[in-house]
C-alpha atoms as a PDB file:
ATOM      1  CA  MET A   1      96.098 -30.177  -6.545  1.00  0.00           C
ATOM      2  CA  LYS A   2      92.278 -29.606  -6.399  1.00  0.00           C
ATOM      3  CA  SER A   3      90.299 -27.872  -9.032  1.00  0.00           C
ATOM      4  CA  ASP A   4      87.891 -25.015  -8.219  1.00  0.00           C
ATOM      5  CA  SER A   5      84.703 -27.036  -8.537  1.00  0.00           C
ATOM      6  CA  GLU A   6      86.062 -29.524  -6.226  1.00  0.00           C
ATOM      7  CA  ASP A   7      86.719 -26.815  -3.649  1.00  0.00           C
ATOM      8  CA  LYS A   8      83.062 -25.564  -3.799  1.00  0.00           C
ATOM      9  CA  GLU A   9      81.556 -28.355  -1.711  1.00  0.00           C
ATOM     10  CA  LEU A  10      78.106 -28.027  -0.027  1.00  0.00           C
ATOM     11  CA  GLU A  11      76.823 -30.011   2.905  1.00  0.00           C
ATOM     12  CA  THR A  12      73.254 -31.220   2.526  1.00  0.00           C
ATOM     13  CA  ASP A  13      70.538 -31.831   5.110  1.00  0.00           C
ATOM     14  CA  THR A  14      71.553 -35.377   5.303  1.00  0.00           C
ATOM     15  CA  GLY A  15      75.302 -34.619   5.914  1.00  0.00           C
ATOM     16  CA  GLU A  16      76.433 -35.606   2.540  1.00  0.00           C
ATOM     17  CA  PHE A  17      78.754 -33.326   0.636  1.00  0.00           C
ATOM     18  CA  VAL A  18      78.236 -32.580  -3.071  1.00  0.00           C
ATOM     19  CA  ASN A  19      79.838 -30.235  -5.700  1.00  0.00           C
ATOM     20  CA  ALA A  20      78.081 -26.919  -5.447  1.00  0.00           C
ATOM     21  CA  ASP A  21      77.897 -26.531  -9.231  1.00  0.00           C
ATOM     22  CA  ASP A  22      76.139 -30.317  -9.341  1.00  0.00           C
ATOM     23  CA  ALA A  23      73.607 -28.737  -6.670  1.00  0.00           C
ATOM     24  CA  ALA A  24      72.785 -25.567  -8.460  1.00  0.00           C
ATOM     25  CA  GLU A  25      71.965 -27.892 -11.633  1.00  0.00           C
ATOM     26  CA  ALA A  26      69.731 -30.226  -9.302  1.00  0.00           C
ATOM     27  CA  GLU A  27      67.915 -27.459  -8.259  1.00  0.00           C
ATOM     28  CA  GLU A  28      67.290 -25.821 -11.536  1.00  0.00           C
ATOM     29  CA  GLN A  29      65.799 -29.366 -12.716  1.00  0.00           C
ATOM     30  CA  LEU A  30      63.419 -29.745  -9.729  1.00  0.00           C
ATOM     31  CA  PRO A  31      59.964 -29.545 -10.634  1.00  0.00           C
ATOM     32  CA  ASP A  32      57.551 -27.074  -9.186  1.00  0.00           C
ATOM     33  CA  GLU A  33      56.163 -28.723  -6.114  1.00  0.00           C
ATOM     34  CA  ILE A  34      54.255 -25.977  -4.789  1.00  0.00           C
ATOM     35  CA  GLY A  35      52.218 -25.009  -7.909  1.00  0.00           C
ATOM     36  CA  ASP A  36      51.968 -22.457 -10.878  1.00  0.00           C
ATOM     37  CA  VAL A  37      51.480 -18.823 -10.766  1.00  0.00           C
ATOM     38  CA  LYS A  38      49.337 -17.609 -13.782  1.00  0.00           C
ATOM     39  CA  VAL A  39      48.931 -13.618 -14.240  1.00  0.00           C
ATOM     40  CA  ALA A  40      45.797 -12.703 -15.983  1.00  0.00           C
ATOM     41  CA  ASP A  41      46.459 -11.164 -19.576  1.00  0.00           C
ATOM     42  CA  GLU A  42      44.082  -7.987 -18.215  1.00  0.00           C
ATOM     43  CA  VAL A  43      46.406  -7.468 -15.354  1.00  0.00           C
ATOM     44  CA  ILE A  44      49.730  -7.558 -17.781  1.00  0.00           C
ATOM     45  CA  SER A  45      47.972  -4.903 -19.841  1.00  0.00           C
ATOM     46  CA  ILE A  46      47.227  -2.711 -16.860  1.00  0.00           C
ATOM     47  CA  VAL A  47      50.644  -2.910 -15.703  1.00  0.00           C
ATOM     48  CA  ALA A  48      51.977  -2.043 -19.381  1.00  0.00           C
ATOM     49  CA  GLY A  49      49.270   0.883 -19.823  1.00  0.00           C
ATOM     50  CA  LEU A  50      50.262   2.391 -16.438  1.00  0.00           C
ATOM     51  CA  ALA A  51      54.084   2.195 -17.060  1.00  0.00           C
ATOM     52  CA  ALA A  52      53.458   3.754 -20.361  1.00  0.00           C
ATOM     53  CA  GLN A  53      51.738   6.734 -18.954  1.00  0.00           C
ATOM     54  CA  GLU A  54      54.392   7.484 -16.658  1.00  0.00           C
ATOM     55  CA  VAL A  55      56.737   8.608 -19.533  1.00  0.00           C
ATOM     56  CA  ASN A  56      56.960  12.346 -19.925  1.00  0.00           C
ATOM     57  CA  GLY A  57      55.267  13.403 -23.074  1.00  0.00           C
ATOM     58  CA  VAL A  58      52.703  10.776 -23.263  1.00  0.00           C
ATOM     59  CA  ILE A  59      49.396  12.616 -23.147  1.00  0.00           C
ATOM     60  CA  GLY A  60      47.280   9.325 -23.151  1.00  0.00           C
ATOM     61  CA  MET A  61      46.614   5.881 -24.296  1.00  0.00           C
ATOM     62  CA  SER A  62      44.678   5.549 -27.791  1.00  0.00           C
ATOM     63  CA  GLY A  63      42.193   2.541 -27.683  1.00  0.00           C
ATOM     64  CA  SER A  64      39.845   0.853 -30.040  1.00  0.00           C
ATOM     65  CA  PHE A  65      36.004   1.972 -30.432  1.00  0.00           C
ATOM     66  CA  ALA A  66      35.031  -0.284 -28.145  1.00  0.00           C
ATOM     67  CA  GLU A  67      37.462   1.241 -25.363  1.00  0.00           C
ATOM     68  CA  GLY A  68      36.377   4.497 -26.163  1.00  0.00           C
ATOM     69  CA  LEU A  69      32.511   3.445 -26.021  1.00  0.00           C
ATOM     70  CA  ASN A  70      33.104   2.036 -22.765  1.00  0.00           C
ATOM     71  CA  GLU A  71      35.224   5.176 -21.269  1.00  0.00           C
ATOM     72  CA  PHE A  72      31.974   7.114 -22.557  1.00  0.00           C
ATOM     73  CA  LEU A  73      29.854   5.023 -20.426  1.00  0.00           C
ATOM     74  CA  GLY A  74      31.752   5.750 -17.397  1.00  0.00           C
ATOM     75  CA  LYS A  75      33.856   2.289 -17.490  1.00  0.00           C
ATOM     76  CA  LYS A  76      37.701   3.662 -17.085  1.00  0.00           C
ATOM     77  CA  SER A  77      40.091   0.897 -18.276  1.00  0.00           C
ATOM     78  CA  PHE A  78      43.952   1.170 -17.274  1.00  0.00           C
ATOM     79  CA  ALA A  79      44.373  -1.558 -19.982  1.00  0.00           C
ATOM     80  CA  LYS A  80      43.540   0.883 -22.840  1.00  0.00           C
ATOM     81  CA  GLY A  81      45.588   1.065 -25.805  1.00  0.00           C
ATOM     82  CA  VAL A  82      47.744  -1.957 -24.898  1.00  0.00           C
ATOM     83  CA  ARG A  83      47.626  -5.486 -26.813  1.00  0.00           C
ATOM     84  CA  ILE A  84      49.337  -8.500 -25.440  1.00  0.00           C
ATOM     85  CA  THR A  85      50.059 -11.877 -26.367  1.00  0.00           C
ATOM     86  CA  VAL A  86      51.615 -14.588 -23.795  1.00  0.00           C
ATOM     87  CA  ASP A  87      52.889 -17.487 -24.679  1.00  0.00           C
ATOM     88  CA  GLY A  88      53.752 -19.426 -21.486  1.00  0.00           C
ATOM     89  CA  HIS A  89      55.722 -16.943 -19.577  1.00  0.00           C
ATOM     90  CA  VAL A  90      56.747 -14.583 -22.676  1.00  0.00           C
ATOM     91  CA  VAL A  91      54.779 -11.691 -23.275  1.00  0.00           C
ATOM     92  CA  THR A  92      54.826  -9.580 -26.308  1.00  0.00           C
ATOM     93  CA  ALA A  93      53.175  -6.096 -26.292  1.00  0.00           C
ATOM     94  CA  ALA A  94      51.996  -3.361 -28.208  1.00  0.00           C
ATOM     95  CA  VAL A  95      51.269  -0.024 -27.015  1.00  0.00           C
ATOM     96  CA  TYR A  96      48.899   2.735 -28.742  1.00  0.00           C
ATOM     97  CA  VAL A  97      49.703   6.166 -27.379  1.00  0.00           C
ATOM     98  CA  ASN A  98      49.273   9.819 -28.019  1.00  0.00           C
ATOM     99  CA  VAL A  99      52.149  12.192 -27.608  1.00  0.00           C
ATOM    100  CA  GLU A 100      52.710  15.915 -26.825  1.00  0.00           C
ATOM    101  CA  TYR A 101      53.309  18.146 -29.570  1.00  0.00           C
ATOM    102  CA  GLY A 102      56.959  19.272 -29.621  1.00  0.00           C
ATOM    103  CA  SER A 103      58.345  16.206 -27.913  1.00  0.00           C
ATOM    104  CA  CYS A 104      60.724  13.867 -29.374  1.00  0.00           C
ATOM    105  CA  ILE A 105      59.052  10.797 -30.532  1.00  0.00           C
ATOM    106  CA  PRO A 106      61.901   8.687 -31.123  1.00  0.00           C
ATOM    107  CA  GLU A 107      62.819   9.332 -27.310  1.00  0.00           C
ATOM    108  CA  ILE A 108      59.328   8.810 -25.892  1.00  0.00           C
ATOM    109  CA  ALA A 109      59.134   5.358 -27.752  1.00  0.00           C
ATOM    110  CA  LEU A 110      62.493   4.174 -26.433  1.00  0.00           C
ATOM    111  CA  GLU A 111      61.498   5.132 -22.841  1.00  0.00           C
ATOM    112  CA  ILE A 112      58.033   3.605 -23.321  1.00  0.00           C
ATOM    113  CA  GLN A 113      59.763   0.402 -24.488  1.00  0.00           C
ATOM    114  CA  GLU A 114      62.180   0.329 -21.494  1.00  0.00           C
ATOM    115  CA  LYS A 115      59.522   1.182 -18.853  1.00  0.00           C
ATOM    116  CA  VAL A 116      56.788  -1.212 -20.036  1.00  0.00           C
ATOM    117  CA  LYS A 117      59.442  -4.227 -20.123  1.00  0.00           C
ATOM    118  CA  GLU A 118      61.000  -3.147 -16.841  1.00  0.00           C
ATOM    119  CA  ALA A 119      57.297  -3.021 -15.183  1.00  0.00           C
ATOM    120  CA  ILE A 120      56.163  -6.361 -16.843  1.00  0.00           C
ATOM    121  CA  GLU A 121      59.342  -8.370 -15.811  1.00  0.00           C
ATOM    122  CA  ASN A 122      59.443  -6.932 -12.175  1.00  0.00           C
ATOM    123  CA  MET A 123      55.897  -7.120 -11.372  1.00  0.00           C
ATOM    124  CA  THR A 124      55.003 -10.521 -13.192  1.00  0.00           C
ATOM    125  CA  GLY A 125      58.139 -12.294 -13.443  1.00  0.00           C
ATOM    126  CA  TYR A 126      57.486 -13.034 -17.190  1.00  0.00           C
ATOM    127  CA  GLU A 127      60.137 -12.453 -19.882  1.00  0.00           C
ATOM    128  CA  VAL A 128      59.087  -9.559 -22.286  1.00  0.00           C
ATOM    129  CA  LYS A 129      60.097 -10.588 -25.980  1.00  0.00           C
ATOM    130  CA  PHE A 130      59.333  -7.271 -27.384  1.00  0.00           C
ATOM    131  CA  VAL A 131      57.368  -3.983 -26.970  1.00  0.00           C
ATOM    132  CA  ASP A 132      55.974  -2.222 -30.090  1.00  0.00           C
ATOM    133  CA  VAL A 133      55.138   1.289 -29.696  1.00  0.00           C
ATOM    134  CA  HIS A 134      52.510   2.794 -31.913  1.00  0.00           C
ATOM    135  CA  ILE A 135      52.148   6.608 -31.955  1.00  0.00           C
ATOM    136  CA  GLN A 136      48.645   7.087 -32.736  1.00  0.00           C
ATOM    137  CA  GLY A 137      48.485  11.099 -32.296  1.00  0.00           C
ATOM    138  CA  VAL A 138      49.934  14.399 -31.363  1.00  0.00           C
ATOM    139  CA  ALA A 139      48.423  16.980 -29.395  1.00  0.00           C
ATOM    140  CA  ARG A 140      48.743  19.716 -26.993  1.00  0.00           C
ATOM    141  CA  ARG A 141      49.004  18.658 -23.381  1.00  0.00           C
ATOM    142  CA  PRO A 142      45.786  19.719 -21.728  1.00  0.00           C
ATOM    143  CA  LYS A 143      46.051  22.671 -19.328  1.00  0.00           C
ATOM    144  CA  SER A 144      45.958  22.182 -15.488  1.00  0.00           C
ATOM    145  CA  GLU A 145      43.745  23.950 -13.190  1.00  0.00           C
ATOM    146  CA  LEU A 146      46.337  25.954 -11.826  1.00  0.00           C
ATOM    147  CA  GLU A 147      47.271  26.825 -15.738  1.00  0.00           C
ATOM    148  CA  GLU A 148      43.770  27.841 -16.519  1.00  0.00           C
ATOM    149  CA  SER A 149      43.072  29.929 -13.357  1.00  0.00           C
ATOM    150  CA  LEU A 150      46.439  31.809 -14.080  1.00  0.00           C
ATOM    151  CA  GLU A 151      45.382  32.642 -17.328  1.00  0.00           C
ATOM    152  CA  LYS A 152      41.804  33.912 -16.236  1.00  0.00           C
ATOM    153  CA  MET A 153      43.982  36.047 -13.781  1.00  0.00           C
ATOM    154  CA  ASP A 154      46.213  37.619 -16.691  1.00  0.00           C
ATOM    155  CA  ALA A 155      42.896  38.086 -18.816  1.00  0.00           C
ATOM    156  CA  ALA A 156      41.063  39.767 -15.832  1.00  0.00           C
ATOM    157  CA  HIS A 157      44.263  41.800 -15.254  1.00  0.00           C
ATOM    158  CA  GLU A 158      44.514  42.993 -18.802  1.00  0.00           C
ATOM    159  CA  ASN A 159      40.778  43.983 -18.950  1.00  0.00           C
ATOM    160  CA  PHE A 160      41.012  45.946 -15.751  1.00  0.00           C
ATOM    161  CA  PHE A 161      43.984  47.820 -16.490  1.00  0.00           C
ATOM    162  CA  GLY A 162      43.276  47.918 -20.296  1.00  0.00           C
ATOM    163  CA  GLU A 163      46.692  46.422 -21.332  1.00  0.00           C
ATOM    164  CA  GLU A 164      46.783  44.746 -24.817  1.00  0.00           C
END
């Protein structure tokens, strides 16, 4: 009686039959003949920053003084508030964010960790060892143009009709 591994034979290009498990091991040991892909650290930081900003409750990223100065001078950086370390194809990330007042900070932090890890791994193929989340501040969400115009209309309505 044959074992399962003996039943899993593959025919190679040369017409030989080999055990499927042995073929899989051989493929893993093949050197990368085409070349290596290196993703710039700045690109990984941008991916992490954009992923963190997608989380509801995140008002913005909190950067260093130099990043603030660059933004003041008109140089917008999507990597603001992200510090990464790359060792081979293993990434560790630290994300610095400001959150909306009234939100649940532990839930937001967990979602940031998940989104950043998923985004980096999916886009770069690198492994993410961990993502540290640093809550740098809490503030009210800036009002949208629609909210501001509605408030102005309400104020004008109250002034016109004398309501208080």
